[in-house]
C-alpha atoms as a PDB file:
ATOM      1  CA  MET A   1     -11.843   7.987   0.827  1.00  0.00           C
ATOM      2  CA  ASN A   2     -13.291   3.961   0.780  1.00  0.00           C
ATOM      3  CA  LYS A   3     -11.670   0.348   0.673  1.00  0.00           C
ATOM      4  CA  GLU A   4     -12.183   0.016  -2.777  1.00  0.00           C
ATOM      5  CA  GLU A   5     -10.884   3.585  -3.575  1.00  0.00           C
ATOM      6  CA  ILE A   6      -7.912   2.870  -1.725  1.00  0.00           C
ATOM      7  CA  ILE A   7      -6.904  -0.462  -2.936  1.00  0.00           C
ATOM      8  CA  SER A   8      -7.488   0.872  -6.292  1.00  0.00           C
ATOM      9  CA  GLU A   9      -4.857   4.405  -5.851  1.00  0.00           C
ATOM     10  CA  LEU A  10      -2.260   1.643  -4.140  1.00  0.00           C
ATOM     11  CA  LYS A  11      -2.697  -0.617  -7.376  1.00  0.00           C
ATOM     12  CA  THR A  12      -1.146   2.450  -9.318  1.00  0.00           C
ATOM     13  CA  ILE A  13       1.361   3.215  -6.819  1.00  0.00           C
ATOM     14  CA  ILE A  14       2.661  -0.341  -6.693  1.00  0.00           C
ATOM     15  CA  GLN A  15       2.459  -0.785 -10.059  1.00  0.00           C
ATOM     16  CA  PRO A  16       6.140   0.216 -11.554  1.00  0.00           C
ATOM     17  CA  TYR A  17       7.288  -1.553  -8.666  1.00  0.00           C
ATOM     18  CA  SER A  18       5.916  -4.859  -9.455  1.00  0.00           C
ATOM     19  CA  GLU A  19       6.665  -7.204 -12.763  1.00  0.00           C
ATOM     20  CA  GLU A  20       3.937  -9.498 -11.612  1.00  0.00           C
ATOM     21  CA  ALA A  21       1.330  -7.727 -14.244  1.00  0.00           C
ATOM     22  CA  LEU A  22      -1.553 -10.672 -13.070  1.00  0.00           C
ATOM     23  CA  ALA A  23      -0.425 -10.774  -9.104  1.00  0.00           C
ATOM     24  CA  LEU A  24      -1.768  -6.810  -9.626  1.00  0.00           C
ATOM     25  CA  GLU A  25      -5.340  -6.832 -11.872  1.00  0.00           C
ATOM     26  CA  SER A  26      -5.917  -9.801  -9.302  1.00  0.00           C
ATOM     27  CA  ILE A  27      -4.691  -7.202  -6.104  1.00  0.00           C
ATOM     28  CA  ASP A  28      -7.313  -7.915  -3.038  1.00  0.00           C
ATOM     29  CA  GLU A  29      -6.723  -7.616   0.528  1.00  0.00           C
ATOM     30  CA  ASN A  30      -5.314 -11.207   1.226  1.00  0.00           C
ATOM     31  CA  THR A  31      -2.170  -9.867  -1.529  1.00  0.00           C
ATOM     32  CA  ASP A  32       1.391  -9.961  -0.003  1.00  0.00           C
ATOM     33  CA  PHE A  33       3.443  -7.391  -1.818  1.00  0.00           C
ATOM     34  CA  ILE A  34       6.585  -9.591  -1.371  1.00  0.00           C
ATOM     35  CA  LYS A  35       5.719 -13.640  -1.816  1.00  0.00           C
ATOM     36  CA  ASP A  36       2.517 -12.333  -4.354  1.00  0.00           C
ATOM     37  CA  LEU A  37       3.526  -8.716  -6.144  1.00  0.00           C
ATOM     38  CA  LYS A  38       7.280  -9.887  -5.590  1.00  0.00           C
ATOM     39  CA  VAL A  39       7.588  -6.243  -4.753  1.00  0.00           C
ATOM     40  CA  ASN A  40      12.080  -5.923  -3.141  1.00  0.00           C
ATOM     41  CA  SER A  41      12.228  -3.836   1.059  1.00  0.00           C
ATOM     42  CA  ALA A  42      13.958  -1.259  -1.445  1.00  0.00           C
ATOM     43  CA  ASN A  43      10.993  -0.611  -3.152  1.00  0.00           C
ATOM     44  CA  LEU A  44       9.033  -1.381  -0.598  1.00  0.00           C
ATOM     45  CA  VAL A  45      10.555   2.352   0.748  1.00  0.00           C
ATOM     46  CA  ASP A  46       9.709   3.645  -2.325  1.00  0.00           C
ATOM     47  CA  ILE A  47       6.374   2.761  -2.060  1.00  0.00           C
ATOM     48  CA  VAL A  48       5.464   4.014   1.187  1.00  0.00           C
ATOM     49  CA  LEU A  49       6.950   6.839   0.670  1.00  0.00           C
ATOM     50  CA  ASP A  50       4.362   7.289  -2.562  1.00  0.00           C
ATOM     51  CA  ILE A  51       1.917   6.016  -0.240  1.00  0.00           C
ATOM     52  CA  GLU A  52       1.972   9.434   2.139  1.00  0.00           C
ATOM     53  CA  GLU A  53       2.703  11.305  -0.800  1.00  0.00           C
ATOM     54  CA  ARG A  54      -0.142  10.274  -2.127  1.00  0.00           C
ATOM     55  CA  PHE A  55      -2.728   9.953   0.921  1.00  0.00           C
ATOM     56  CA  LYS A  56      -0.868  13.401   2.489  1.00  0.00           C
ATOM     57  CA  ILE A  57      -0.217  10.903   5.548  1.00  0.00           C
ATOM     58  CA  GLU A  58       2.550   9.938   7.360  1.00  0.00           C
ATOM     59  CA  ILE A  59       4.027   6.881   8.424  1.00  0.00           C
ATOM     60  CA  ASP A  60       5.792   6.038  11.509  1.00  0.00           C
ATOM     61  CA  ASN A  61       8.559   3.130  10.877  1.00  0.00           C
ATOM     62  CA  ASP A  62       6.051   0.933  13.602  1.00  0.00           C
ATOM     63  CA  SER A  63       3.276   1.068  11.003  1.00  0.00           C
ATOM     64  CA  MET A  64       5.849   0.500   7.716  1.00  0.00           C
ATOM     65  CA  ALA A  65       6.923  -2.170   9.410  1.00  0.00           C
ATOM     66  CA  LYS A  66       3.336  -3.669   9.247  1.00  0.00           C
ATOM     67  CA  MET A  67       2.790  -3.047   5.747  1.00  0.00           C
ATOM     68  CA  LEU A  68       2.994  -6.602   4.677  1.00  0.00           C
ATOM     69  CA  ASN A  69      -0.148  -7.414   2.558  1.00  0.00           C
ATOM     70  CA  ILE A  70      -2.975  -5.119   1.245  1.00  0.00           C
ATOM     71  CA  LYS A  71      -4.961  -5.364   3.916  1.00  0.00           C
ATOM     72  CA  SER A  72      -3.016  -4.339   6.645  1.00  0.00           C
ATOM     73  CA  THR A  73      -1.495  -1.417   4.384  1.00  0.00           C
ATOM     74  CA  VAL A  74      -5.320  -0.440   3.434  1.00  0.00           C
ATOM     75  CA  GLU A  75      -6.627  -0.261   7.472  1.00  0.00           C
ATOM     76  CA  ILE A  76      -3.008   1.896   8.377  1.00  0.00           C
ATOM     77  CA  ILE A  77      -4.616   4.792   5.499  1.00  0.00           C
ATOM     78  CA  GLU A  78      -7.145   4.592   6.885  1.00  0.00           C
ATOM     79  CA  ASN A  79      -5.669   4.936  10.846  1.00  0.00           C
ATOM     80  CA  LYS A  80      -4.632   8.090   8.926  1.00  0.00           C
ATOM     81  CA  LEU A  81      -6.427   9.167   7.091  1.00  0.00           C
ATOM     82  CA  GLN A  82      -9.092   9.430  10.658  1.00  0.00           C
ATOM     83  CA  VAL A  83      -6.324  10.878  12.562  1.00  0.00           C
ATOM     84  CA  ASN A  84      -6.232  13.874   9.436  1.00  0.00           C
ATOM     85  CA  GLY A  85      -9.804  14.089   9.529  1.00  0.00           C
ATOM     86  CA  GLY A  86     -10.456  12.373   5.969  1.00  0.00           C
END
């Protein structure tokens, strides 16, 4: 799964938790969950759980704390997918 596919999946996962439709449409690596998408911290946890389920990965607390924007989230997902063999 490449970066664009992961971002596309993230957009689908984030959509129910963000009311910022315009920011969601123009999502890129620099998009911040809290500042740009107005996702609150409780919903961030839900997003992480949805990411784990969708990508069949487990995200530890250290990784979760780093998932503040799309770029870091994609990097964490890519690393976990590599560890899990794709």
